[in-house]
Amino acid sequence: MTFAARYGPWAIVAGASEGVGRELARQVAAKGVPCVLVARRVQPLAELAEQIRAESGVECLPASIDLAAPDAFDRIVAAVGHREVGLYVGNAGADPNGSHFLDRESDTWADLVRCNVLTTIRACHHFGGLMRERRRGGLLLVGSGAAYSGAQRLAVYSGTKAFQLRFGESLWAELRPFGVDVLSLVLVTTDTPALRRLLAEKGRPIPSRMASSSRVAEIGLARLRQGPVYSWGPLAGLRAYASRARVRLVTALSRKVLGDVRTERSTS
């Protein structure tokens, strides 16, 4: 089955205006799948849609939506309309603050939680449910190595990314019997405009070694069928194997307590 047959006829790329999201949208379109391009800023989305049209001959739909807004999910569904979505990419959620928890108002952190957690939950529930019915599709959640540990200036960001990681692993266990692929793509320091802006604001130097957005996007799409986790870096393969084994073990233990009638029927 080709990429377009498995993940088309439409994809949603949330956080598509720059960096990894922009590269993901370009590469998905190059595989023949048009995208609903979601981000807050209008102009970068319009420019990206035009670039994709010129590069791949694929029409993409820009949708200016603030993913931290309470109505973000409703607006995504409205923008998609009647289109059938076979791939949802959740890439938004960088922390532009880089500050200690108490040095920002709590509303700032609530916005980050809405973007990284609540909007992601609602989108994956809606589009993942439709994929399960069709027995094909994919959810690609772009995360961060901050998911593996808390640290100063990362209290809320690392917490939301840790949620996203475990959420993605759980969806992988639940949806793989139905032909739906789920991958949490965990990044290390990646060269994005958002990171460069934050470093400039803090007066910090640009790291000498960073992953490129285009390469990260390429690997993420290539690994989509090999969930639940791909962690960028030298331990990537080991971490992916360990994640699969751990998730299967916990799933088996939970099944003993809770049962899993739906999965048992689907695989019988």
C-alpha atoms as a PDB file:
ATOM      1  CA  MET A   1       0.000   0.000   0.000  1.00  0.00           C
ATOM      2  CA  THR A   2       1.410   3.393  -0.978  1.00  0.00           C
ATOM      3  CA  PHE A   3       1.752   6.257   1.484  1.00  0.00           C
ATOM      4  CA  ALA A   4      -1.174   8.084  -0.151  1.00  0.00           C
ATOM      5  CA  ALA A   5      -3.383   4.991  -0.069  1.00  0.00           C
ATOM      6  CA  ARG A   6      -2.623   4.379   3.600  1.00  0.00           C
ATOM      7  CA  TYR A   7      -2.713   7.964   4.896  1.00  0.00           C
ATOM      8  CA  GLY A   8      -4.795   9.882   2.367  1.00  0.00           C
ATOM      9  CA  PRO A   9      -6.808  11.337   0.886  1.00  0.00           C
ATOM     10  CA  TRP A  10      -6.107  14.306   3.222  1.00  0.00           C
ATOM     11  CA  ALA A  11      -3.727  15.036   6.079  1.00  0.00           C
ATOM     12  CA  ILE A  12      -3.837  17.634   8.827  1.00  0.00           C
ATOM     13  CA  VAL A  13      -0.559  19.221   9.902  1.00  0.00           C
ATOM     14  CA  ALA A  14      -1.052  21.183  13.117  1.00  0.00           C
ATOM     15  CA  GLY A  15       1.799  23.624  13.628  1.00  0.00           C
ATOM     16  CA  ALA A  16       2.680  23.838   9.948  1.00  0.00           C
ATOM     17  CA  SER A  17       3.880  27.422   9.624  1.00  0.00           C
ATOM     18  CA  GLU A  18       7.608  26.802  10.148  1.00  0.00           C
ATOM     19  CA  GLY A  19      10.303  24.375  11.232  1.00  0.00           C
ATOM     20  CA  VAL A  20       9.520  20.669  11.470  1.00  0.00           C
ATOM     21  CA  GLY A  21       5.810  21.191  10.778  1.00  0.00           C
ATOM     22  CA  ARG A  22       6.526  23.035   7.564  1.00  0.00           C
ATOM     23  CA  GLU A  23       8.871  20.267   6.410  1.00  0.00           C
ATOM     24  CA  LEU A  24       6.360  17.577   7.342  1.00  0.00           C
ATOM     25  CA  ALA A  25       3.674  19.300   5.262  1.00  0.00           C
ATOM     26  CA  ARG A  26       5.995  19.605   2.261  1.00  0.00           C
ATOM     27  CA  GLN A  27       7.043  15.970   2.434  1.00  0.00           C
ATOM     28  CA  VAL A  28       3.514  14.637   2.984  1.00  0.00           C
ATOM     29  CA  ALA A  29       2.344  16.639  -0.037  1.00  0.00           C
ATOM     30  CA  ALA A  30       5.293  15.337  -2.071  1.00  0.00           C
ATOM     31  CA  LYS A  31       3.922  11.849  -1.409  1.00  0.00           C
ATOM     32  CA  GLY A  32       0.646  12.886  -3.019  1.00  0.00           C
ATOM     33  CA  VAL A  33      -1.440  13.764   0.046  1.00  0.00           C
ATOM     34  CA  PRO A  34      -2.888  17.303   0.255  1.00  0.00           C
ATOM     35  CA  CYS A  35      -2.830  18.907   3.692  1.00  0.00           C
ATOM     36  CA  VAL A  36      -4.962  21.124   5.860  1.00  0.00           C
ATOM     37  CA  LEU A  37      -2.248  23.469   7.144  1.00  0.00           C
ATOM     38  CA  VAL A  38      -3.024  24.641  10.684  1.00  0.00           C
ATOM     39  CA  ALA A  39      -1.212  27.372  12.592  1.00  0.00           C
ATOM     40  CA  ARG A  40      -1.916  30.782  14.047  1.00  0.00           C
ATOM     41  CA  ARG A  41      -0.171  33.034  11.502  1.00  0.00           C
ATOM     42  CA  VAL A  42      -1.924  33.591   8.192  1.00  0.00           C
ATOM     43  CA  GLN A  43       0.927  34.710   5.934  1.00  0.00           C
ATOM     44  CA  PRO A  44       3.345  31.796   6.503  1.00  0.00           C
ATOM     45  CA  LEU A  45       0.534  29.328   5.861  1.00  0.00           C
ATOM     46  CA  ALA A  46      -0.444  31.027   2.610  1.00  0.00           C
ATOM     47  CA  GLU A  47       3.192  31.069   1.489  1.00  0.00           C
ATOM     48  CA  LEU A  48       3.592  27.394   2.368  1.00  0.00           C
ATOM     49  CA  ALA A  49       0.466  26.431   0.430  1.00  0.00           C
ATOM     50  CA  GLU A  50       1.811  28.268  -2.612  1.00  0.00           C
ATOM     51  CA  GLN A  51       5.239  26.641  -2.235  1.00  0.00           C
ATOM     52  CA  ILE A  52       3.702  23.167  -2.012  1.00  0.00           C
ATOM     53  CA  ARG A  53       1.556  23.853  -5.063  1.00  0.00           C
ATOM     54  CA  ALA A  54       4.676  24.830  -7.029  1.00  0.00           C
ATOM     55  CA  GLU A  55       6.790  21.911  -5.757  1.00  0.00           C
ATOM     56  CA  SER A  56       4.321  19.033  -5.804  1.00  0.00           C
ATOM     57  CA  GLY A  57       1.285  20.224  -7.719  1.00  0.00           C
ATOM     58  CA  VAL A  58      -0.828  19.446  -4.644  1.00  0.00           C
ATOM     59  CA  GLU A  59      -3.462  21.825  -3.334  1.00  0.00           C
ATOM     60  CA  CYS A  60      -3.282  22.538   0.392  1.00  0.00           C
ATOM     61  CA  LEU A  61      -5.766  24.405   2.569  1.00  0.00           C
ATOM     62  CA  PRO A  62      -4.406  27.053   4.992  1.00  0.00           C
ATOM     63  CA  ALA A  63      -6.379  27.298   8.249  1.00  0.00           C
ATOM     64  CA  SER A  64      -5.401  30.103  10.623  1.00  0.00           C
ATOM     65  CA  ILE A  65      -6.189  28.639  14.065  1.00  0.00           C
ATOM     66  CA  ASP A  66      -4.636  29.307  17.458  1.00  0.00           C
ATOM     67  CA  LEU A  67      -4.177  25.794  18.835  1.00  0.00           C
ATOM     68  CA  ALA A  68      -4.110  27.141  22.388  1.00  0.00           C
ATOM     69  CA  ALA A  69      -7.582  28.673  22.040  1.00  0.00           C
ATOM     70  CA  PRO A  70     -10.533  26.927  23.726  1.00  0.00           C
ATOM     71  CA  ASP A  71     -12.299  26.553  20.371  1.00  0.00           C
ATOM     72  CA  ALA A  72      -9.245  25.280  18.450  1.00  0.00           C
ATOM     73  CA  PHE A  73     -10.587  21.769  17.900  1.00  0.00           C
ATOM     74  CA  ASP A  74     -13.989  22.991  16.724  1.00  0.00           C
ATOM     75  CA  ARG A  75     -12.300  25.283  14.240  1.00  0.00           C
ATOM     76  CA  ILE A  76     -10.095  22.461  12.932  1.00  0.00           C
ATOM     77  CA  VAL A  77     -13.168  20.305  12.310  1.00  0.00           C
ATOM     78  CA  ALA A  78     -14.906  23.222  10.585  1.00  0.00           C
ATOM     79  CA  ALA A  79     -11.863  23.825   8.364  1.00  0.00           C
ATOM     80  CA  VAL A  80     -11.672  20.155   7.386  1.00  0.00           C
ATOM     81  CA  GLY A  81     -15.346  20.055   6.468  1.00  0.00           C
ATOM     82  CA  HIS A  82     -16.307  16.980   4.441  1.00  0.00           C
ATOM     83  CA  ARG A  83     -12.704  15.977   3.692  1.00  0.00           C
ATOM     84  CA  GLU A  84     -11.601  12.502   4.779  1.00  0.00           C
ATOM     85  CA  VAL A  85      -8.474  12.715   6.940  1.00  0.00           C
ATOM     86  CA  GLY A  86      -6.107   9.738   6.924  1.00  0.00           C
ATOM     87  CA  LEU A  87      -3.196  11.365   8.768  1.00  0.00           C
ATOM     88  CA  TYR A  88      -3.129  13.732  11.726  1.00  0.00           C
ATOM     89  CA  VAL A  89       0.208  15.364  12.545  1.00  0.00           C
ATOM     90  CA  GLY A  90       0.373  17.137  15.900  1.00  0.00           C
ATOM     91  CA  ASN A  91       3.499  19.245  15.680  1.00  0.00           C
ATOM     92  CA  ALA A  92       2.540  22.423  17.541  1.00  0.00           C
ATOM     93  CA  GLY A  93       3.519  23.070  21.123  1.00  0.00           C
ATOM     94  CA  ALA A  94       6.969  24.660  21.412  1.00  0.00           C
ATOM     95  CA  ASP A  95       7.493  26.635  24.619  1.00  0.00           C
ATOM     96  CA  PRO A  96       8.343  30.245  23.717  1.00  0.00           C
ATOM     97  CA  ASN A  97       8.843  31.196  27.373  1.00  0.00           C
ATOM     98  CA  GLY A  98      11.976  29.402  28.556  1.00  0.00           C
ATOM     99  CA  SER A  99      11.300  30.666  32.056  1.00  0.00           C
ATOM    100  CA  HIS A 100      10.789  29.415  35.579  1.00  0.00           C
ATOM    101  CA  PHE A 101       7.252  28.334  36.407  1.00  0.00           C
ATOM    102  CA  LEU A 102       6.558  31.154  38.883  1.00  0.00           C
ATOM    103  CA  ASP A 103       7.980  33.842  36.605  1.00  0.00           C
ATOM    104  CA  ARG A 104       4.967  33.686  34.273  1.00  0.00           C
ATOM    105  CA  GLU A 105       1.262  34.057  34.941  1.00  0.00           C
ATOM    106  CA  SER A 106      -0.599  30.772  35.291  1.00  0.00           C
ATOM    107  CA  ASP A 107      -2.721  31.637  32.230  1.00  0.00           C
ATOM    108  CA  THR A 108       0.439  31.414  30.114  1.00  0.00           C
ATOM    109  CA  TRP A 109       0.981  27.845  31.230  1.00  0.00           C
ATOM    110  CA  ALA A 110      -2.709  27.013  30.828  1.00  0.00           C
ATOM    111  CA  ASP A 111      -2.409  28.032  27.172  1.00  0.00           C
ATOM    112  CA  LEU A 112       0.504  25.624  26.721  1.00  0.00           C
ATOM    113  CA  VAL A 113      -1.502  22.814  28.316  1.00  0.00           C
ATOM    114  CA  ARG A 114      -4.467  23.517  26.036  1.00  0.00           C
ATOM    115  CA  CYS A 115      -2.220  23.412  22.968  1.00  0.00           C
ATOM    116  CA  ASN A 116      -0.171  20.334  23.855  1.00  0.00           C
ATOM    117  CA  VAL A 117      -2.750  18.302  25.753  1.00  0.00           C
ATOM    118  CA  LEU A 118      -6.396  19.290  25.356  1.00  0.00           C
ATOM    119  CA  THR A 119      -6.435  20.127  21.643  1.00  0.00           C
ATOM    120  CA  THR A 120      -4.333  17.033  20.941  1.00  0.00           C
ATOM    121  CA  ILE A 121      -6.719  14.795  22.906  1.00  0.00           C
ATOM    122  CA  ARG A 122      -9.792  16.086  21.090  1.00  0.00           C
ATOM    123  CA  ALA A 123      -8.193  15.910  17.638  1.00  0.00           C
ATOM    124  CA  CYS A 124      -6.866  12.381  18.147  1.00  0.00           C
ATOM    125  CA  HIS A 125     -10.200  11.240  19.551  1.00  0.00           C
ATOM    126  CA  HIS A 126     -12.171  12.608  16.609  1.00  0.00           C
ATOM    127  CA  PHE A 127      -9.877  11.788  13.689  1.00  0.00           C
ATOM    128  CA  GLY A 128      -8.486   8.630  15.287  1.00  0.00           C
ATOM    129  CA  GLY A 129     -12.024   7.354  15.755  1.00  0.00           C
ATOM    130  CA  LEU A 130     -12.788   7.821  12.069  1.00  0.00           C
ATOM    131  CA  MET A 131      -9.527   6.081  11.156  1.00  0.00           C
ATOM    132  CA  ARG A 132     -10.423   3.150  13.379  1.00  0.00           C
ATOM    133  CA  GLU A 133     -13.735   2.788  11.578  1.00  0.00           C
ATOM    134  CA  ARG A 134     -11.946   2.754   8.199  1.00  0.00           C
ATOM    135  CA  ARG A 135      -9.203   0.497   9.597  1.00  0.00           C
ATOM    136  CA  ARG A 136      -6.368   2.586   8.240  1.00  0.00           C
ATOM    137  CA  GLY A 137      -4.635   5.903   8.925  1.00  0.00           C
ATOM    138  CA  GLY A 138      -1.960   7.442  11.115  1.00  0.00           C
ATOM    139  CA  LEU A 139      -1.350   9.748  14.063  1.00  0.00           C
ATOM    140  CA  LEU A 140       2.089  11.381  14.260  1.00  0.00           C
ATOM    141  CA  LEU A 141       2.764  13.289  17.485  1.00  0.00           C
ATOM    142  CA  VAL A 142       5.935  15.365  17.488  1.00  0.00           C
ATOM    143  CA  GLY A 143       7.401  15.517  20.979  1.00  0.00           C
ATOM    144  CA  SER A 144      10.573  16.458  22.791  1.00  0.00           C
ATOM    145  CA  GLY A 145      13.336  14.833  24.788  1.00  0.00           C
ATOM    146  CA  ALA A 146      12.037  16.989  27.658  1.00  0.00           C
ATOM    147  CA  ALA A 147       9.410  14.252  28.052  1.00  0.00           C
ATOM    148  CA  TYR A 148      12.033  12.046  29.664  1.00  0.00           C
ATOM    149  CA  SER A 149      12.880  14.402  32.528  1.00  0.00           C
ATOM    150  CA  GLY A 150      11.833  17.564  34.274  1.00  0.00           C
ATOM    151  CA  ALA A 151      14.275  20.455  34.612  1.00  0.00           C
ATOM    152  CA  GLN A 152      14.480  24.119  35.466  1.00  0.00           C
ATOM    153  CA  ARG A 153      12.517  26.276  33.010  1.00  0.00           C
ATOM    154  CA  LEU A 154      10.729  23.186  31.678  1.00  0.00           C
ATOM    155  CA  ALA A 155       8.095  22.502  34.347  1.00  0.00           C
ATOM    156  CA  VAL A 156       4.966  22.762  32.204  1.00  0.00           C
ATOM    157  CA  TYR A 157       6.575  22.028  28.854  1.00  0.00           C
ATOM    158  CA  SER A 158       8.204  18.781  30.012  1.00  0.00           C
ATOM    159  CA  GLY A 159       4.987  17.806  31.777  1.00  0.00           C
ATOM    160  CA  THR A 160       2.884  18.226  28.646  1.00  0.00           C
ATOM    161  CA  LYS A 161       5.432  16.409  26.506  1.00  0.00           C
ATOM    162  CA  ALA A 162       5.567  13.543  28.995  1.00  0.00           C
ATOM    163  CA  PHE A 163       1.787  13.293  28.748  1.00  0.00           C
ATOM    164  CA  GLN A 164       1.974  13.360  24.968  1.00  0.00           C
ATOM    165  CA  LEU A 165       4.555  10.563  24.942  1.00  0.00           C
ATOM    166  CA  ARG A 166       2.553   8.206  27.160  1.00  0.00           C
ATOM    167  CA  PHE A 167      -0.667   9.159  25.383  1.00  0.00           C
ATOM    168  CA  GLY A 168       0.859   8.259  22.022  1.00  0.00           C
ATOM    169  CA  GLU A 169       2.201   4.944  23.326  1.00  0.00           C
ATOM    170  CA  SER A 170      -1.237   4.033  24.657  1.00  0.00           C
ATOM    171  CA  LEU A 171      -2.950   4.927  21.384  1.00  0.00           C
ATOM    172  CA  TRP A 172      -0.427   2.774  19.535  1.00  0.00           C
ATOM    173  CA  ALA A 173      -1.436  -0.206  21.683  1.00  0.00           C
ATOM    174  CA  GLU A 174      -5.150   0.493  21.228  1.00  0.00           C
ATOM    175  CA  LEU A 175      -5.243   1.308  17.521  1.00  0.00           C
ATOM    176  CA  ARG A 176      -2.668  -0.999  15.918  1.00  0.00           C
ATOM    177  CA  PRO A 177      -5.152  -3.940  15.796  1.00  0.00           C
ATOM    178  CA  PHE A 178      -7.332  -1.703  13.631  1.00  0.00           C
ATOM    179  CA  GLY A 179      -4.647  -0.796  11.101  1.00  0.00           C
ATOM    180  CA  VAL A 180      -4.031   2.706  12.479  1.00  0.00           C
ATOM    181  CA  ASP A 181      -0.368   3.657  12.948  1.00  0.00           C
ATOM    182  CA  VAL A 182       0.701   5.853  15.872  1.00  0.00           C
ATOM    183  CA  LEU A 183       4.165   7.311  16.365  1.00  0.00           C
ATOM    184  CA  SER A 184       5.554   9.681  18.970  1.00  0.00           C
ATOM    185  CA  LEU A 185       8.535  11.367  17.320  1.00  0.00           C
ATOM    186  CA  VAL A 186      10.778  12.549  20.155  1.00  0.00           C
ATOM    187  CA  LEU A 187      13.216  15.278  19.141  1.00  0.00           C
ATOM    188  CA  VAL A 188      16.477  16.522  20.565  1.00  0.00           C
ATOM    189  CA  THR A 189      17.805  20.007  19.780  1.00  0.00           C
ATOM    190  CA  THR A 190      16.442  20.770  16.328  1.00  0.00           C
ATOM    191  CA  ASP A 191      17.206  23.775  14.151  1.00  0.00           C
ATOM    192  CA  THR A 192      13.896  25.643  14.005  1.00  0.00           C
ATOM    193  CA  PRO A 193      13.000  29.336  13.822  1.00  0.00           C
ATOM    194  CA  ALA A 194      11.245  29.026  17.195  1.00  0.00           C
ATOM    195  CA  LEU A 195      14.414  27.774  18.894  1.00  0.00           C
ATOM    196  CA  ARG A 196      16.555  30.431  17.244  1.00  0.00           C
ATOM    197  CA  ARG A 197      14.154  33.168  18.408  1.00  0.00           C
ATOM    198  CA  LEU A 198      14.205  31.868  21.969  1.00  0.00           C
ATOM    199  CA  LEU A 199      18.017  31.648  22.039  1.00  0.00           C
ATOM    200  CA  ALA A 200      18.322  35.176  20.637  1.00  0.00           C
ATOM    201  CA  GLU A 201      15.909  36.500  23.273  1.00  0.00           C
ATOM    202  CA  LYS A 202      17.942  34.842  26.041  1.00  0.00           C
ATOM    203  CA  GLY A 203      21.260  35.951  24.553  1.00  0.00           C
ATOM    204  CA  ARG A 204      22.393  32.364  24.131  1.00  0.00           C
ATOM    205  CA  PRO A 205      24.639  31.054  21.314  1.00  0.00           C
ATOM    206  CA  ILE A 206      23.345  28.786  18.569  1.00  0.00           C
ATOM    207  CA  PRO A 207      24.404  25.181  19.302  1.00  0.00           C
ATOM    208  CA  SER A 208      27.044  23.865  16.949  1.00  0.00           C
ATOM    209  CA  ARG A 209      25.198  20.602  16.330  1.00  0.00           C
ATOM    210  CA  MET A 210      21.461  20.518  15.745  1.00  0.00           C
ATOM    211  CA  ALA A 211      19.191  18.179  13.836  1.00  0.00           C
ATOM    212  CA  SER A 212      17.779  19.659  10.625  1.00  0.00           C
ATOM    213  CA  SER A 213      14.017  20.068  10.339  1.00  0.00           C
ATOM    214  CA  SER A 214      13.932  18.424   6.917  1.00  0.00           C
ATOM    215  CA  ARG A 215      15.799  15.330   8.111  1.00  0.00           C
ATOM    216  CA  VAL A 216      13.632  15.033  11.209  1.00  0.00           C
ATOM    217  CA  ALA A 217      10.492  15.186   9.052  1.00  0.00           C
ATOM    218  CA  GLU A 218      11.880  12.587   6.650  1.00  0.00           C
ATOM    219  CA  ILE A 219      12.718  10.134   9.433  1.00  0.00           C
ATOM    220  CA  GLY A 220       9.403  10.715  11.205  1.00  0.00           C
ATOM    221  CA  LEU A 221       7.359   9.841   8.137  1.00  0.00           C
ATOM    222  CA  ALA A 222       9.580   6.862   7.335  1.00  0.00           C
ATOM    223  CA  ARG A 223       9.166   5.501  10.881  1.00  0.00           C
ATOM    224  CA  LEU A 224       5.416   6.118  11.157  1.00  0.00           C
ATOM    225  CA  ARG A 225       4.572   2.427  10.803  1.00  0.00           C
ATOM    226  CA  GLN A 226       7.182   1.457  13.403  1.00  0.00           C
ATOM    227  CA  GLY A 227       5.691   3.005  16.531  1.00  0.00           C
ATOM    228  CA  PRO A 228       5.128   3.643  19.289  1.00  0.00           C
ATOM    229  CA  VAL A 229       8.218   5.858  19.716  1.00  0.00           C
ATOM    230  CA  TYR A 230      11.161   7.035  17.691  1.00  0.00           C
ATOM    231  CA  SER A 231      13.684   9.036  19.708  1.00  0.00           C
ATOM    232  CA  TRP A 232      16.167  11.019  17.687  1.00  0.00           C
ATOM    233  CA  GLY A 233      19.782  10.261  18.550  1.00  0.00           C
ATOM    234  CA  PRO A 234      22.276   7.421  18.991  1.00  0.00           C
ATOM    235  CA  LEU A 235      19.954   5.372  21.245  1.00  0.00           C
ATOM    236  CA  ALA A 236      16.969   5.651  18.913  1.00  0.00           C
ATOM    237  CA  GLY A 237      16.723   1.970  18.000  1.00  0.00           C
ATOM    238  CA  LEU A 238      17.165   0.769  21.562  1.00  0.00           C
ATOM    239  CA  ARG A 239      14.545   3.167  22.882  1.00  0.00           C
ATOM    240  CA  ALA A 240      12.035   2.162  20.222  1.00  0.00           C
ATOM    241  CA  TYR A 241      12.460  -1.525  21.046  1.00  0.00           C
ATOM    242  CA  ALA A 242      12.241  -0.878  24.790  1.00  0.00           C
ATOM    243  CA  SER A 243       9.074   1.193  24.295  1.00  0.00           C
ATOM    244  CA  ARG A 244       7.349  -1.567  22.341  1.00  0.00           C
ATOM    245  CA  ALA A 245       8.258  -4.194  24.937  1.00  0.00           C
ATOM    246  CA  ARG A 246       7.192  -1.986  27.846  1.00  0.00           C
ATOM    247  CA  VAL A 247       3.900  -0.947  26.259  1.00  0.00           C
ATOM    248  CA  ARG A 248       3.044  -4.552  25.387  1.00  0.00           C
ATOM    249  CA  LEU A 249       3.833  -5.664  28.941  1.00  0.00           C
ATOM    250  CA  VAL A 250       1.702  -2.949  30.559  1.00  0.00           C
ATOM    251  CA  THR A 251      -1.088  -3.628  28.048  1.00  0.00           C
ATOM    252  CA  ALA A 252      -1.047  -7.314  28.925  1.00  0.00           C
ATOM    253  CA  LEU A 253      -1.155  -6.538  32.647  1.00  0.00           C
ATOM    254  CA  SER A 254      -4.019  -4.066  32.262  1.00  0.00           C
ATOM    255  CA  ARG A 255      -5.938  -6.531  30.101  1.00  0.00           C
ATOM    256  CA  LYS A 256      -5.866  -9.044  32.952  1.00  0.00           C
ATOM    257  CA  VAL A 257      -7.632  -6.525  35.154  1.00  0.00           C
ATOM    258  CA  LEU A 258      -9.814  -4.587  32.733  1.00  0.00           C
ATOM    259  CA  GLY A 259     -10.177  -6.955  29.795  1.00  0.00           C
ATOM    260  CA  ASP A 260     -10.192  -5.750  26.202  1.00  0.00           C
ATOM    261  CA  VAL A 261     -13.266  -7.103  24.506  1.00  0.00           C
ATOM    262  CA  ARG A 262     -13.016  -4.762  21.507  1.00  0.00           C
ATOM    263  CA  THR A 263      -9.430  -5.759  20.670  1.00  0.00           C
ATOM    264  CA  GLU A 264     -10.085  -9.452  21.342  1.00  0.00           C
ATOM    265  CA  ARG A 265     -12.978  -9.449  18.903  1.00  0.00           C
ATOM    266  CA  SER A 266     -11.063  -7.505  16.260  1.00  0.00           C
ATOM    267  CA  THR A 267      -8.185  -9.993  16.221  1.00  0.00           C
ATOM    268  CA  SER A 268     -10.169 -13.220  16.586  1.00  0.00           C
END
